[in-house]
Each structure stands twice: as C-alpha cells, then as structure tokens.
Amino acid sequence: MYAVALGEKEPQKAIEVLEKAHKRHSGDRQIVSALSYYYKQTGNREKSKLYGEKLKALQNFSVR
C-alpha cells in the first residue's frame, strides 16, 4: 500500500492518502486501522480513537 510506504517518513502525507481512500472504501478495515495508527503516531489521539472505534465496529459487523 502506497500510504504505508509514505508513513514511515511522512505520516501526515500517509494520512492524506488514507483519508481519500477511506472516502471511497469506508468499510475497508486495513484503511481504518492504518488511519488509527498514523493519527496516533502524529499525536492526534482523538482521531486515532475515532478510527479505532470505527475499526472495532467493522470487526463486529464482519463477524456476524
């Protein structure tokens, strides 16, 4: 994934790429997980928590 490659050196750019991807693929757990991770890496705990909760909801949905 392009965003993951970016994220190692430029996490903010990775977030931008992932946010665009999330608009098109809002149910993709890998995108949501990466957003949670990179927001945490950049110190944005609020957004990290938001995406963490979205990921949890997606995981619960897919199990049913």
N, C-alpha and C. Protein backbone atom coordinates (compact mmCIF):
# COMPACT_ATOMS: atom_id res chain seq x y z
N MET A 1 0.85 -1.17 0.00
CA MET A 1 0.00 0.00 0.00
C MET A 1 0.90 1.23 0.00
N TYR A 2 0.61 2.14 -0.89
CA TYR A 2 1.38 3.38 -1.05
C TYR A 2 1.45 4.18 0.26
N ALA A 3 0.33 4.29 0.96
CA ALA A 3 0.29 5.08 2.19
C ALA A 3 1.23 4.53 3.26
N VAL A 4 1.36 3.23 3.33
CA VAL A 4 2.24 2.62 4.32
C VAL A 4 3.70 2.97 4.02
N ALA A 5 4.05 2.95 2.75
CA ALA A 5 5.41 3.35 2.37
C ALA A 5 5.66 4.81 2.73
N LEU A 6 4.69 5.65 2.51
CA LEU A 6 4.81 7.06 2.88
C LEU A 6 4.91 7.24 4.39
N GLY A 7 4.14 6.45 5.10
CA GLY A 7 4.00 6.62 6.53
C GLY A 7 5.28 6.49 7.33
N GLU A 8 6.22 5.75 6.82
CA GLU A 8 7.47 5.58 7.56
C GLU A 8 8.21 6.90 7.74
N LYS A 9 8.18 7.73 6.70
CA LYS A 9 8.90 9.01 6.78
C LYS A 9 7.97 10.22 6.82
N GLU A 10 6.78 10.06 6.26
CA GLU A 10 5.85 11.19 6.19
C GLU A 10 4.45 10.75 6.60
N PRO A 11 4.24 10.55 7.90
CA PRO A 11 2.94 10.05 8.35
C PRO A 11 1.77 10.97 8.00
N GLN A 12 2.01 12.27 7.95
CA GLN A 12 0.92 13.19 7.62
C GLN A 12 0.47 13.00 6.17
N LYS A 13 1.40 12.77 5.28
CA LYS A 13 1.04 12.50 3.88
C LYS A 13 0.32 11.17 3.76
N ALA A 14 0.74 10.20 4.56
CA ALA A 14 0.06 8.90 4.57
C ALA A 14 -1.39 9.08 5.00
N ILE A 15 -1.62 9.92 5.99
CA ILE A 15 -2.98 10.20 6.46
C ILE A 15 -3.81 10.80 5.34
N GLU A 16 -3.23 11.74 4.59
CA GLU A 16 -3.96 12.37 3.49
C GLU A 16 -4.39 11.33 2.45
N VAL A 17 -3.47 10.44 2.09
CA VAL A 17 -3.77 9.39 1.12
C VAL A 17 -4.85 8.45 1.66
N LEU A 18 -4.70 8.08 2.92
CA LEU A 18 -5.65 7.16 3.54
C LEU A 18 -7.04 7.78 3.69
N GLU A 19 -7.10 9.06 4.02
CA GLU A 19 -8.40 9.73 4.14
C GLU A 19 -9.14 9.71 2.80
N LYS A 20 -8.42 9.95 1.72
CA LYS A 20 -9.03 9.90 0.38
C LYS A 20 -9.52 8.49 0.08
N ALA A 21 -8.70 7.50 0.41
CA ALA A 21 -9.09 6.11 0.17
C ALA A 21 -10.29 5.73 1.02
N HIS A 22 -10.34 6.25 2.24
CA HIS A 22 -11.45 5.94 3.15
C HIS A 22 -12.77 6.49 2.62
N LYS A 23 -12.74 7.62 1.95
CA LYS A 23 -13.96 8.18 1.36
C LYS A 23 -14.54 7.24 0.31
N ARG A 24 -13.67 6.54 -0.40
CA ARG A 24 -14.13 5.61 -1.46
C ARG A 24 -14.41 4.22 -0.92
N HIS A 25 -13.71 3.85 0.14
CA HIS A 25 -13.80 2.49 0.66
C HIS A 25 -13.95 2.53 2.19
N SER A 26 -15.04 3.07 2.66
CA SER A 26 -15.22 3.30 4.10
C SER A 26 -15.28 2.02 4.93
N GLY A 27 -15.54 0.89 4.30
CA GLY A 27 -15.61 -0.37 5.03
C GLY A 27 -14.34 -1.17 5.03
N ASP A 28 -13.28 -0.60 4.50
CA ASP A 28 -12.00 -1.32 4.42
C ASP A 28 -11.28 -1.26 5.77
N ARG A 29 -11.18 -2.39 6.43
CA ARG A 29 -10.58 -2.42 7.77
C ARG A 29 -9.11 -2.06 7.77
N GLN A 30 -8.38 -2.39 6.71
CA GLN A 30 -6.95 -2.05 6.67
C GLN A 30 -6.76 -0.54 6.60
N ILE A 31 -7.60 0.14 5.84
CA ILE A 31 -7.50 1.60 5.75
C ILE A 31 -7.83 2.22 7.09
N VAL A 32 -8.91 1.77 7.71
CA VAL A 32 -9.32 2.33 9.00
C VAL A 32 -8.25 2.06 10.07
N SER A 33 -7.69 0.88 10.06
CA SER A 33 -6.63 0.54 11.01
C SER A 33 -5.41 1.42 10.81
N ALA A 34 -5.02 1.62 9.56
CA ALA A 34 -3.86 2.47 9.26
C ALA A 34 -4.11 3.91 9.68
N LEU A 35 -5.32 4.39 9.47
CA LEU A 35 -5.65 5.76 9.90
C LEU A 35 -5.52 5.89 11.42
N SER A 36 -6.03 4.92 12.14
CA SER A 36 -5.91 4.95 13.59
C SER A 36 -4.43 4.98 14.00
N TYR A 37 -3.64 4.13 13.39
CA TYR A 37 -2.22 4.04 13.70
C TYR A 37 -1.47 5.34 13.40
N TYR A 38 -1.67 5.89 12.20
CA TYR A 38 -0.91 7.09 11.82
C TYR A 38 -1.37 8.32 12.58
N TYR A 39 -2.64 8.40 12.90
CA TYR A 39 -3.08 9.52 13.74
C TYR A 39 -2.42 9.42 15.12
N LYS A 40 -2.31 8.21 15.63
CA LYS A 40 -1.64 8.03 16.93
C LYS A 40 -0.17 8.43 16.82
N GLN A 41 0.48 8.05 15.72
CA GLN A 41 1.89 8.38 15.51
C GLN A 41 2.12 9.89 15.45
N THR A 42 1.14 10.62 14.94
CA THR A 42 1.30 12.07 14.83
C THR A 42 0.79 12.81 16.06
N GLY A 43 0.33 12.05 17.08
CA GLY A 43 -0.10 12.68 18.32
C GLY A 43 -1.56 13.08 18.36
N ASN A 44 -2.31 12.72 17.34
CA ASN A 44 -3.74 13.07 17.32
C ASN A 44 -4.53 11.90 17.91
N ARG A 45 -4.57 11.87 19.23
CA ARG A 45 -5.21 10.75 19.93
C ARG A 45 -6.72 10.72 19.69
N GLU A 46 -7.32 11.89 19.53
CA GLU A 46 -8.77 11.94 19.32
C GLU A 46 -9.15 11.24 18.02
N LYS A 47 -8.46 11.57 16.93
CA LYS A 47 -8.74 10.93 15.63
C LYS A 47 -8.35 9.46 15.67
N SER A 48 -7.27 9.14 16.36
CA SER A 48 -6.84 7.75 16.48
C SER A 48 -7.93 6.93 17.17
N LYS A 49 -8.48 7.48 18.23
CA LYS A 49 -9.55 6.79 18.96
C LYS A 49 -10.79 6.64 18.09
N LEU A 50 -11.13 7.69 17.34
CA LEU A 50 -12.30 7.65 16.46
C LEU A 50 -12.17 6.50 15.45
N TYR A 51 -11.02 6.41 14.81
CA TYR A 51 -10.83 5.35 13.82
C TYR A 51 -10.68 3.99 14.49
N GLY A 52 -10.16 3.95 15.70
CA GLY A 52 -10.11 2.70 16.45
C GLY A 52 -11.50 2.17 16.74
N GLU A 53 -12.41 3.09 17.08
CA GLU A 53 -13.81 2.70 17.33
C GLU A 53 -14.49 2.24 16.03
N LYS A 54 -14.19 2.93 14.93
CA LYS A 54 -14.75 2.51 13.64
C LYS A 54 -14.25 1.12 13.28
N LEU A 55 -12.97 0.86 13.55
CA LEU A 55 -12.41 -0.45 13.25
C LEU A 55 -13.10 -1.54 14.07
N LYS A 56 -13.31 -1.25 15.33
CA LYS A 56 -13.98 -2.21 16.21
C LYS A 56 -15.39 -2.51 15.68
N ALA A 57 -16.10 -1.48 15.27
CA ALA A 57 -17.45 -1.66 14.73
C ALA A 57 -17.42 -2.50 13.45
N LEU A 58 -16.43 -2.25 12.59
CA LEU A 58 -16.31 -3.03 11.36
C LEU A 58 -15.99 -4.49 11.66
N GLN A 59 -15.15 -4.73 12.64
CA GLN A 59 -14.81 -6.10 13.00
C GLN A 59 -16.02 -6.82 13.58
N ASN A 60 -16.80 -6.13 14.40
CA ASN A 60 -18.00 -6.73 14.96
C ASN A 60 -19.02 -7.02 13.87
N PHE A 61 -19.13 -6.14 12.91
CA PHE A 61 -20.08 -6.32 11.80
C PHE A 61 -19.70 -7.52 10.96
N SER A 62 -18.42 -7.68 10.67
CA SER A 62 -17.99 -8.75 9.77
C SER A 62 -18.07 -10.13 10.42
N VAL A 63 -18.12 -10.17 11.75
CA VAL A 63 -18.19 -11.44 12.45
C VAL A 63 -19.61 -12.01 12.39
N ARG A 64 -20.58 -11.14 12.32
CA ARG A 64 -21.99 -11.57 12.34
C ARG A 64 -22.40 -12.23 11.09
